[in-house]
Amino acid sequence: MVYLFLAEGFEEVEALTVVDLLRRAKCEVTSVSITGNKAVCGGHGITVMADALFEELSFDNAKMLVLPGGLPGVTNLQAHEGLMSLLMEKHASGVTLAAICAAPMILSQLGLLKGEKATIYPAMQEELSESVYSENMVVKSRNNIITSRGPATAMYFALALIEELKGEAAAENVKNGVLL
C-alpha cells in the first residue's frame, strides 16, 4: 500500500498527479489527511477529500510513503509528530520514502538524505546541504528515497514511483497511456 499525506497548503498538482497515475497502474494508494478532517485545502484553494485520517490507520502494510510539496503544506506535514515518527520507523524497516518539491526538506532535516544524491525545488537547494544535490527531475538515492523538483516534474515523479512498485513495463504503459 502507498500512503500519500495531505496537510493544509499542499501542492495540488503534485499530490493528485501521483494518486492518479499510481491508480492507473493499479497500485493501491490511500490519501491520508493529517489535519483531523478528510477535507484538506491545497495551496491554490482546491479542497480534496482524503481517503482516510492519519489516526485511523496503522500503516503496517506500507510499501511507500509519499510527501507532496507546497508551502505551507510541507511545514504543516513537518509539524505532525506522528508522521515524523512514522517516516523514521518505516525508513528504518526499508519502506521507500518519496518527496517532491519542498518536501525533500523534511527528509533532509530528519537526517535521511545525509550523503545521498537528492533533488528539491531549486530555490530550496540549501536545504540539501548535507546531500549531493542533483538537478535531475527525479532522483533515487541508494537508501530507498525518491525525490523530485516540483509541479512540472510530478508526472515523471509518479512514473518513477510506479517503476519502483511495479516495474519498468508498468511505468511505460502508464506513460504511453497519458501521452508523455
Protein backbone atom coordinates (compact mmCIF):
# COMPACT_ATOMS: atom_id res chain seq x y z
CA MET A 1 0.00 0.00 0.00
CA VAL A 2 1.14 3.52 -0.85
CA TYR A 3 0.22 6.31 1.53
CA LEU A 4 0.27 9.94 0.37
CA PHE A 5 -0.02 12.55 3.12
CA LEU A 6 -2.06 15.74 2.85
CA ALA A 7 -1.77 18.86 5.01
CA GLU A 8 -3.35 22.29 4.59
CA GLY A 9 -1.48 24.12 1.82
CA PHE A 10 -0.27 21.05 -0.10
CA GLU A 11 0.63 21.40 -3.81
CA GLU A 12 -2.40 20.02 -5.61
CA VAL A 13 -0.64 19.09 -8.87
CA GLU A 14 1.96 17.02 -7.06
CA ALA A 15 -0.48 15.16 -4.82
CA LEU A 16 -3.23 14.47 -7.33
CA THR A 17 -0.89 13.53 -10.19
CA VAL A 18 0.77 10.90 -8.00
CA VAL A 19 -2.54 9.43 -6.83
CA ASP A 20 -3.98 9.46 -10.37
CA LEU A 21 -1.01 7.81 -12.10
CA LEU A 22 -0.46 5.22 -9.37
CA ARG A 23 -4.11 4.21 -9.58
CA ARG A 24 -3.83 3.95 -13.37
CA ALA A 25 -1.01 1.46 -12.72
CA LYS A 26 -3.29 -0.49 -10.34
CA CYS A 27 -1.20 0.44 -7.31
CA GLU A 28 -3.09 0.60 -4.04
CA VAL A 29 -2.80 4.19 -2.83
CA THR A 30 -4.52 5.91 0.06
CA SER A 31 -4.50 9.68 0.53
CA VAL A 32 -4.17 10.48 4.22
CA SER A 33 -5.16 13.71 5.94
CA ILE A 34 -3.04 14.74 8.91
CA THR A 35 -5.49 17.55 9.77
CA GLY A 36 -8.14 15.59 11.64
CA ASN A 37 -10.56 16.33 8.79
CA LYS A 38 -10.85 14.45 5.49
CA ALA A 39 -11.40 17.72 3.58
CA VAL A 40 -7.97 19.29 3.04
CA CYS A 41 -7.43 22.59 1.23
CA GLY A 42 -4.41 22.82 -1.06
CA GLY A 43 -2.18 25.81 -1.59
CA HIS A 44 -4.25 27.07 -4.51
CA GLY A 45 -7.66 26.80 -2.87
CA ILE A 46 -8.61 23.35 -4.17
CA THR A 47 -10.19 21.22 -1.46
CA VAL A 48 -9.59 17.48 -1.71
CA MET A 49 -11.30 14.70 0.22
CA ALA A 50 -8.65 12.39 1.65
CA ASP A 51 -9.38 8.67 1.73
CA ALA A 52 -8.56 8.40 5.44
CA LEU A 53 -7.39 10.25 8.53
CA PHE A 54 -3.89 9.62 9.90
CA GLU A 55 -5.22 8.47 13.26
CA GLU A 56 -7.46 5.84 11.61
CA LEU A 57 -4.58 3.88 10.06
CA SER A 58 -1.84 1.56 11.30
CA PHE A 59 0.44 1.73 8.20
CA ASP A 60 1.53 -1.88 8.84
CA ASN A 61 1.18 -2.69 5.12
CA ALA A 62 3.09 0.37 3.84
CA LYS A 63 5.30 -0.19 0.82
CA MET A 64 5.83 3.53 0.16
CA LEU A 65 5.15 6.84 1.90
CA VAL A 66 4.76 9.93 -0.30
CA LEU A 67 5.08 13.58 0.67
CA PRO A 68 3.78 16.21 -1.78
CA GLY A 69 5.30 19.67 -1.66
CA GLY A 70 3.78 23.09 -1.43
CA LEU A 71 4.02 25.70 1.27
CA PRO A 72 2.74 25.83 3.91
CA GLY A 73 1.83 22.19 3.25
CA VAL A 74 5.37 20.95 3.87
CA THR A 75 5.77 22.88 7.12
CA ASN A 76 2.38 21.55 8.24
CA LEU A 77 3.47 17.98 7.43
CA GLN A 78 6.70 18.54 9.32
CA ALA A 79 4.84 19.78 12.41
CA HIS A 80 2.95 16.46 12.70
CA GLU A 81 4.97 14.42 15.20
CA GLY A 82 3.18 11.17 14.37
CA LEU A 83 4.10 11.50 10.70
CA MET A 84 7.74 12.30 11.52
CA SER A 85 7.94 9.20 13.73
CA LEU A 86 6.29 7.10 11.03
CA LEU A 87 8.79 8.29 8.40
CA MET A 88 11.73 7.34 10.62
CA GLU A 89 10.23 3.97 11.59
CA LYS A 90 9.30 2.96 8.05
CA HIS A 91 12.60 4.14 6.57
CA ALA A 92 14.46 2.01 9.12
CA SER A 93 12.42 -1.01 8.02
CA GLY A 94 13.18 -0.48 4.31
CA VAL A 95 9.94 1.18 3.17
CA THR A 96 10.51 3.57 0.26
CA LEU A 97 10.02 7.26 1.03
CA ALA A 98 9.20 9.71 -1.76
CA ALA A 99 9.10 13.51 -1.62
CA ILE A 100 8.64 16.21 -4.23
CA CYS A 101 9.18 19.99 -4.45
CA ALA A 102 9.81 21.38 -0.94
CA ALA A 103 9.09 18.06 0.81
CA PRO A 104 12.63 16.62 0.49
CA MET A 105 13.46 19.26 3.12
CA ILE A 106 11.61 17.09 5.66
CA LEU A 107 13.69 14.02 4.83
CA SER A 108 16.87 16.08 4.91
CA GLN A 109 16.04 17.56 8.32
CA LEU A 110 15.35 14.05 9.63
CA GLY A 111 18.91 13.15 8.54
CA LEU A 112 17.73 10.64 5.94
CA LEU A 113 19.44 12.30 2.96
CA LYS A 114 22.88 12.82 4.52
CA GLY A 115 25.46 11.91 1.89
CA GLU A 116 22.75 10.82 -0.54
CA LYS A 117 22.01 12.12 -4.03
CA ALA A 118 18.72 14.06 -3.98
CA THR A 119 16.83 16.93 -5.54
CA ILE A 120 14.41 19.59 -4.31
CA TYR A 121 12.66 22.72 -5.56
CA PRO A 122 15.61 24.79 -6.89
CA ALA A 123 15.07 27.80 -4.60
CA MET A 124 15.39 25.45 -1.62
CA GLN A 125 18.67 23.83 -2.63
CA GLU A 126 20.34 24.96 0.62
CA GLU A 127 18.02 22.57 2.49
CA LEU A 128 20.04 19.71 0.98
CA SER A 129 23.40 20.98 2.23
CA GLU A 130 24.31 17.53 3.62
CA SER A 131 23.24 15.80 0.39
CA VAL A 132 24.65 15.53 -3.10
CA TYR A 133 22.33 17.95 -4.92
CA SER A 134 21.13 16.96 -8.38
CA GLU A 135 19.24 18.98 -10.98
CA ASN A 136 17.67 15.82 -12.41
CA MET A 137 13.85 15.83 -12.46
CA VAL A 138 13.71 12.69 -10.30
CA VAL A 139 16.47 11.18 -8.18
CA LYS A 140 16.56 7.79 -6.48
CA SER A 141 19.04 7.60 -3.64
CA ARG A 142 20.85 4.47 -2.50
CA ASN A 143 18.67 4.24 0.60
CA ASN A 144 15.15 3.85 -0.81
CA ILE A 145 14.34 7.54 -1.12
CA ILE A 146 12.97 9.12 -4.30
CA THR A 147 12.94 12.91 -4.68
CA SER A 148 11.70 15.28 -7.37
CA ARG A 149 11.81 19.01 -8.09
CA GLY A 150 8.31 20.46 -8.39
CA PRO A 151 4.91 20.64 -10.08
CA ALA A 152 6.24 20.29 -13.63
CA THR A 153 8.07 17.08 -12.68
CA ALA A 154 5.07 15.47 -10.98
CA MET A 155 4.33 13.07 -13.85
CA TYR A 156 7.94 11.90 -14.02
CA PHE A 157 7.95 11.52 -10.24
CA ALA A 158 4.77 9.43 -10.33
CA LEU A 159 6.21 7.25 -13.11
CA ALA A 160 9.36 6.66 -11.06
CA LEU A 161 7.18 5.57 -8.15
CA ILE A 162 5.27 3.18 -10.43
CA GLU A 163 8.55 1.75 -11.71
CA GLU A 164 9.72 1.25 -8.12
CA LEU A 165 6.49 -0.51 -7.16
CA LYS A 166 5.52 -2.41 -10.34
CA GLY A 167 8.50 -2.37 -12.67
CA GLU A 168 9.57 -0.58 -15.82
CA ALA A 169 6.89 -2.11 -18.07
CA ALA A 170 4.06 -0.85 -15.85
CA ALA A 171 5.56 2.64 -15.78
CA GLU A 172 6.00 2.61 -19.56
CA ASN A 173 2.39 1.50 -20.02
CA VAL A 174 1.08 4.42 -17.93
CA LYS A 175 3.49 6.82 -19.62
CA ASN A 176 2.18 5.81 -23.05
CA GLY A 177 -1.41 5.97 -21.84
CA VAL A 178 -1.07 9.60 -20.76
CA LEU A 179 0.87 10.51 -23.94
CA LEU A 180 4.03 11.53 -22.13
